[in-house]
Amino acid sequence: MKKLLQLIFIGLLILSCNNKNKAETKTFEKAEMELKNYTEEERTKEFQYLKSNIFNGLENLNDGFDSESIYYFSESDFEIVLDRIEKNGIAIFGIEPWLNKYFYDVLSFEDYKTVANDPKWYRKAFTEFKNREKNLMYSASYQVPKKLLAE
């Protein structure tokens, strides 16, 4: 699961780093270092935290077309996810909507030249996706602060 989360995160960031300047590459490197600072045990706790505190009561639309550790949500449920993420100070590295179980697009915090835990970027990205296409399923890559994992 740790490798899967790392691959997803790195893939999202690589996609968003194409044709970017060197300053933004440093942001990618910093984010990658932060990811490496989480142990496998912390990644497991992080996933459990997300399931219990963020995804709780929402419908996971992943019926087996992707890894079971990647949750997909309807537009209305993903809005609830964003509300809960913001309330808990959790970072979102990238949002990846899918249309009819096929990859649609991806936006990351780097596209907005900000930090991953700034709710302005992910709210704006979500609004842009909603305005472009209906009936998208949304997934994201998250990072729960270590202080929340200790609770």
C-alpha atoms as a PDB file:
ATOM      1  CA  MET A   1       0.000   0.000   0.000  1.00  0.00           C
ATOM      2  CA  LYS A   2       2.881   2.370   0.803  1.00  0.00           C
ATOM      3  CA  LYS A   3       4.368   1.832  -2.651  1.00  0.00           C
ATOM      4  CA  LEU A   4       0.972   2.406  -4.277  1.00  0.00           C
ATOM      5  CA  LEU A   5       0.468   5.691  -2.444  1.00  0.00           C
ATOM      6  CA  GLN A   6       3.984   6.790  -3.358  1.00  0.00           C
ATOM      7  CA  LEU A   7       3.466   5.905  -7.023  1.00  0.00           C
ATOM      8  CA  ILE A   8       0.162   7.764  -7.163  1.00  0.00           C
ATOM      9  CA  PHE A   9       1.630  10.805  -5.481  1.00  0.00           C
ATOM     10  CA  ILE A  10       4.757  10.874  -7.613  1.00  0.00           C
ATOM     11  CA  GLY A  11       2.739  10.280 -10.786  1.00  0.00           C
ATOM     12  CA  LEU A  12       0.419  13.175  -9.993  1.00  0.00           C
ATOM     13  CA  LEU A  13       3.314  15.458  -9.287  1.00  0.00           C
ATOM     14  CA  ILE A  14       5.231  14.432 -12.397  1.00  0.00           C
ATOM     15  CA  LEU A  15       2.188  15.172 -14.528  1.00  0.00           C
ATOM     16  CA  SER A  16       1.837  18.580 -12.951  1.00  0.00           C
ATOM     17  CA  CYS A  17       5.553  19.383 -13.246  1.00  0.00           C
ATOM     18  CA  ASN A  18       5.777  19.174 -17.038  1.00  0.00           C
ATOM     19  CA  ASN A  19       7.061  22.426 -18.536  1.00  0.00           C
ATOM     20  CA  LYS A  20       7.428  24.052 -15.120  1.00  0.00           C
ATOM     21  CA  ASN A  21      10.319  26.172 -13.938  1.00  0.00           C
ATOM     22  CA  LYS A  22      13.103  25.108 -11.584  1.00  0.00           C
ATOM     23  CA  ALA A  23      11.513  26.751  -8.523  1.00  0.00           C
ATOM     24  CA  GLU A  24       8.483  24.511  -8.897  1.00  0.00           C
ATOM     25  CA  THR A  25      10.722  21.450  -9.203  1.00  0.00           C
ATOM     26  CA  LYS A  26      12.066  22.280  -5.751  1.00  0.00           C
ATOM     27  CA  THR A  27       8.486  22.181  -4.475  1.00  0.00           C
ATOM     28  CA  PHE A  28       8.141  18.688  -5.945  1.00  0.00           C
ATOM     29  CA  GLU A  29      11.385  17.599  -4.306  1.00  0.00           C
ATOM     30  CA  LYS A  30      10.257  18.995  -0.951  1.00  0.00           C
ATOM     31  CA  ALA A  31       6.911  17.197  -1.214  1.00  0.00           C
ATOM     32  CA  GLU A  32       8.676  13.954  -2.118  1.00  0.00           C
ATOM     33  CA  MET A  33      10.926  14.313   0.942  1.00  0.00           C
ATOM     34  CA  GLU A  34       7.882  14.850   3.166  1.00  0.00           C
ATOM     35  CA  LEU A  35       6.346  11.678   1.768  1.00  0.00           C
ATOM     36  CA  LYS A  36       9.495   9.720   2.530  1.00  0.00           C
ATOM     37  CA  ASN A  37       9.333  10.908   6.152  1.00  0.00           C
ATOM     38  CA  TYR A  38       6.275   8.701   6.758  1.00  0.00           C
ATOM     39  CA  THR A  39       6.933   5.128   7.811  1.00  0.00           C
ATOM     40  CA  GLU A  40       4.886   2.231   6.529  1.00  0.00           C
ATOM     41  CA  GLU A  41       3.157   2.108   9.920  1.00  0.00           C
ATOM     42  CA  GLU A  42       2.305   5.814   9.663  1.00  0.00           C
ATOM     43  CA  ARG A  43       0.937   5.301   6.139  1.00  0.00           C
ATOM     44  CA  THR A  44      -1.278   2.503   7.482  1.00  0.00           C
ATOM     45  CA  LYS A  45      -2.473   4.766  10.304  1.00  0.00           C
ATOM     46  CA  GLU A  46      -3.055   7.524   7.775  1.00  0.00           C
ATOM     47  CA  PHE A  47      -5.272   5.278   5.642  1.00  0.00           C
ATOM     48  CA  GLN A  48      -7.222   4.188   8.738  1.00  0.00           C
ATOM     49  CA  TYR A  49      -7.604   7.821   9.799  1.00  0.00           C
ATOM     50  CA  LEU A  50      -8.970   8.759   6.378  1.00  0.00           C
ATOM     51  CA  LYS A  51     -11.417   5.842   6.405  1.00  0.00           C
ATOM     52  CA  SER A  52     -12.653   6.616   9.930  1.00  0.00           C
ATOM     53  CA  ASN A  53     -12.698  10.412   9.915  1.00  0.00           C
ATOM     54  CA  ILE A  54     -12.939  11.581   6.322  1.00  0.00           C
ATOM     55  CA  PHE A  55     -14.541   8.829   4.225  1.00  0.00           C
ATOM     56  CA  ASN A  56     -16.906   7.605   6.959  1.00  0.00           C
ATOM     57  CA  GLY A  57     -20.534   7.443   5.803  1.00  0.00           C
ATOM     58  CA  LEU A  58     -19.686   8.194   2.172  1.00  0.00           C
ATOM     59  CA  GLU A  59     -20.014   5.801  -0.759  1.00  0.00           C
ATOM     60  CA  ASN A  60     -16.774   4.524  -2.280  1.00  0.00           C
ATOM     61  CA  LEU A  61     -17.499   4.167  -6.011  1.00  0.00           C
ATOM     62  CA  ASN A  62     -14.419   2.010  -6.583  1.00  0.00           C
ATOM     63  CA  ASP A  63     -16.009  -1.327  -7.439  1.00  0.00           C
ATOM     64  CA  GLY A  64     -12.691  -3.001  -8.219  1.00  0.00           C
ATOM     65  CA  PHE A  65     -11.535  -1.019 -11.253  1.00  0.00           C
ATOM     66  CA  ASP A  66      -8.638   0.370  -9.185  1.00  0.00           C
ATOM     67  CA  SER A  67      -6.689  -0.540  -6.057  1.00  0.00           C
ATOM     68  CA  GLU A  68      -8.958  -1.009  -3.049  1.00  0.00           C
ATOM     69  CA  SER A  69      -6.979   1.632  -1.129  1.00  0.00           C
ATOM     70  CA  ILE A  70      -8.036   4.341  -3.601  1.00  0.00           C
ATOM     71  CA  TYR A  71     -11.449   5.728  -2.842  1.00  0.00           C
ATOM     72  CA  TYR A  72     -13.598   7.372  -5.514  1.00  0.00           C
ATOM     73  CA  PHE A  73     -16.523   9.646  -4.713  1.00  0.00           C
ATOM     74  CA  SER A  74     -19.439  11.293  -6.444  1.00  0.00           C
ATOM     75  CA  GLU A  75     -19.375  15.060  -6.794  1.00  0.00           C
ATOM     76  CA  SER A  76     -21.619  15.561  -3.758  1.00  0.00           C
ATOM     77  CA  ASP A  77     -19.640  13.142  -1.567  1.00  0.00           C
ATOM     78  CA  PHE A  78     -16.311  14.621  -2.661  1.00  0.00           C
ATOM     79  CA  GLU A  79     -17.522  18.038  -1.564  1.00  0.00           C
ATOM     80  CA  ILE A  80     -18.082  16.522   1.896  1.00  0.00           C
ATOM     81  CA  VAL A  81     -14.571  15.023   1.739  1.00  0.00           C
ATOM     82  CA  LEU A  82     -13.155  18.492   1.009  1.00  0.00           C
ATOM     83  CA  ASP A  83     -15.095  20.005   3.925  1.00  0.00           C
ATOM     84  CA  ARG A  84     -13.721  17.365   6.286  1.00  0.00           C
ATOM     85  CA  ILE A  85     -10.194  17.676   4.888  1.00  0.00           C
ATOM     86  CA  GLU A  86     -10.214  21.428   5.406  1.00  0.00           C
ATOM     87  CA  LYS A  87     -11.588  21.122   8.948  1.00  0.00           C
ATOM     88  CA  ASN A  88      -8.795  18.683   9.879  1.00  0.00           C
ATOM     89  CA  GLY A  89      -5.933  20.528   8.157  1.00  0.00           C
ATOM     90  CA  ILE A  90      -5.118  17.611   5.858  1.00  0.00           C
ATOM     91  CA  ALA A  91      -3.091  18.215   2.704  1.00  0.00           C
ATOM     92  CA  ILE A  92      -4.275  17.248  -0.771  1.00  0.00           C
ATOM     93  CA  PHE A  93      -1.465  16.783  -3.284  1.00  0.00           C
ATOM     94  CA  GLY A  94      -3.676  16.166  -6.293  1.00  0.00           C
ATOM     95  CA  ILE A  95      -7.269  15.670  -7.400  1.00  0.00           C
ATOM     96  CA  GLU A  96      -7.908  13.092 -10.098  1.00  0.00           C
ATOM     97  CA  PRO A  97     -11.415  12.906 -11.559  1.00  0.00           C
ATOM     98  CA  TRP A  98     -12.532   9.981 -13.685  1.00  0.00           C
ATOM     99  CA  LEU A  99     -15.339   9.814 -16.237  1.00  0.00           C
ATOM    100  CA  ASN A 100     -17.072   6.473 -16.779  1.00  0.00           C
ATOM    101  CA  LYS A 101     -14.211   4.709 -14.941  1.00  0.00           C
ATOM    102  CA  TYR A 102     -11.565   6.235 -17.217  1.00  0.00           C
ATOM    103  CA  PHE A 103      -8.969   8.817 -16.287  1.00  0.00           C
ATOM    104  CA  TYR A 104     -10.224  12.322 -17.071  1.00  0.00           C
ATOM    105  CA  ASP A 105      -7.624  14.792 -15.784  1.00  0.00           C
ATOM    106  CA  VAL A 106      -5.497  15.732 -12.777  1.00  0.00           C
ATOM    107  CA  LEU A 107      -4.682  18.967 -10.991  1.00  0.00           C
ATOM    108  CA  SER A 108      -2.198  19.379  -8.166  1.00  0.00           C
ATOM    109  CA  PHE A 109      -1.302  22.048  -5.651  1.00  0.00           C
ATOM    110  CA  GLU A 110       1.683  22.931  -7.839  1.00  0.00           C
ATOM    111  CA  ASP A 111      -0.654  23.962 -10.659  1.00  0.00           C
ATOM    112  CA  TYR A 112      -1.850  26.705  -8.304  1.00  0.00           C
ATOM    113  CA  LYS A 113       1.644  27.592  -7.035  1.00  0.00           C
ATOM    114  CA  THR A 114       0.732  27.007  -3.403  1.00  0.00           C
ATOM    115  CA  VAL A 115       1.094  24.441  -0.638  1.00  0.00           C
ATOM    116  CA  ALA A 116      -0.858  21.198  -0.469  1.00  0.00           C
ATOM    117  CA  ASN A 117      -2.816  22.106   2.673  1.00  0.00           C
ATOM    118  CA  ASP A 118      -4.143  25.404   1.259  1.00  0.00           C
ATOM    119  CA  PRO A 119      -7.893  24.843   0.784  1.00  0.00           C
ATOM    120  CA  LYS A 120      -8.096  27.590  -1.857  1.00  0.00           C
ATOM    121  CA  TRP A 121      -6.306  25.454  -4.435  1.00  0.00           C
ATOM    122  CA  TYR A 122      -8.372  22.313  -4.036  1.00  0.00           C
ATOM    123  CA  ARG A 123     -11.657  24.238  -3.842  1.00  0.00           C
ATOM    124  CA  LYS A 124     -10.780  26.065  -7.059  1.00  0.00           C
ATOM    125  CA  ALA A 125      -9.671  22.861  -8.802  1.00  0.00           C
ATOM    126  CA  PHE A 126     -12.880  21.102  -7.758  1.00  0.00           C
ATOM    127  CA  THR A 127     -14.984  23.996  -9.069  1.00  0.00           C
ATOM    128  CA  GLU A 128     -13.107  23.929 -12.375  1.00  0.00           C
ATOM    129  CA  PHE A 129     -13.727  20.200 -12.772  1.00  0.00           C
ATOM    130  CA  LYS A 130     -17.425  20.569 -11.893  1.00  0.00           C
ATOM    131  CA  ASN A 131     -17.809  23.323 -14.484  1.00  0.00           C
ATOM    132  CA  ARG A 132     -16.101  21.277 -17.212  1.00  0.00           C
ATOM    133  CA  GLU A 133     -17.893  17.960 -16.858  1.00  0.00           C
ATOM    134  CA  LYS A 134     -20.781  16.354 -14.994  1.00  0.00           C
ATOM    135  CA  ASN A 135     -20.880  12.873 -13.483  1.00  0.00           C
ATOM    136  CA  LEU A 136     -17.189  12.722 -12.638  1.00  0.00           C
ATOM    137  CA  MET A 137     -15.861  10.426  -9.923  1.00  0.00           C
ATOM    138  CA  TYR A 138     -13.221  12.060  -7.765  1.00  0.00           C
ATOM    139  CA  SER A 139     -10.147  10.643  -6.070  1.00  0.00           C
ATOM    140  CA  ALA A 140      -7.276  12.469  -4.426  1.00  0.00           C
ATOM    141  CA  SER A 141      -3.906  11.922  -2.801  1.00  0.00           C
ATOM    142  CA  TYR A 142      -3.826  13.037   0.814  1.00  0.00           C
ATOM    143  CA  GLN A 143      -1.347  13.566   3.616  1.00  0.00           C
ATOM    144  CA  VAL A 144      -2.640  13.504   7.170  1.00  0.00           C
ATOM    145  CA  PRO A 145      -0.479  15.526   9.584  1.00  0.00           C
ATOM    146  CA  LYS A 146       1.474  13.289  11.947  1.00  0.00           C
ATOM    147  CA  LYS A 147      -0.089  15.028  14.957  1.00  0.00           C
ATOM    148  CA  LEU A 148      -3.508  13.670  13.904  1.00  0.00           C
ATOM    149  CA  LEU A 149      -2.095  10.153  13.610  1.00  0.00           C
ATOM    150  CA  ALA A 150      -0.909  10.309  17.223  1.00  0.00           C
ATOM    151  CA  GLU A 151      -4.428  10.955  18.561  1.00  0.00           C
END
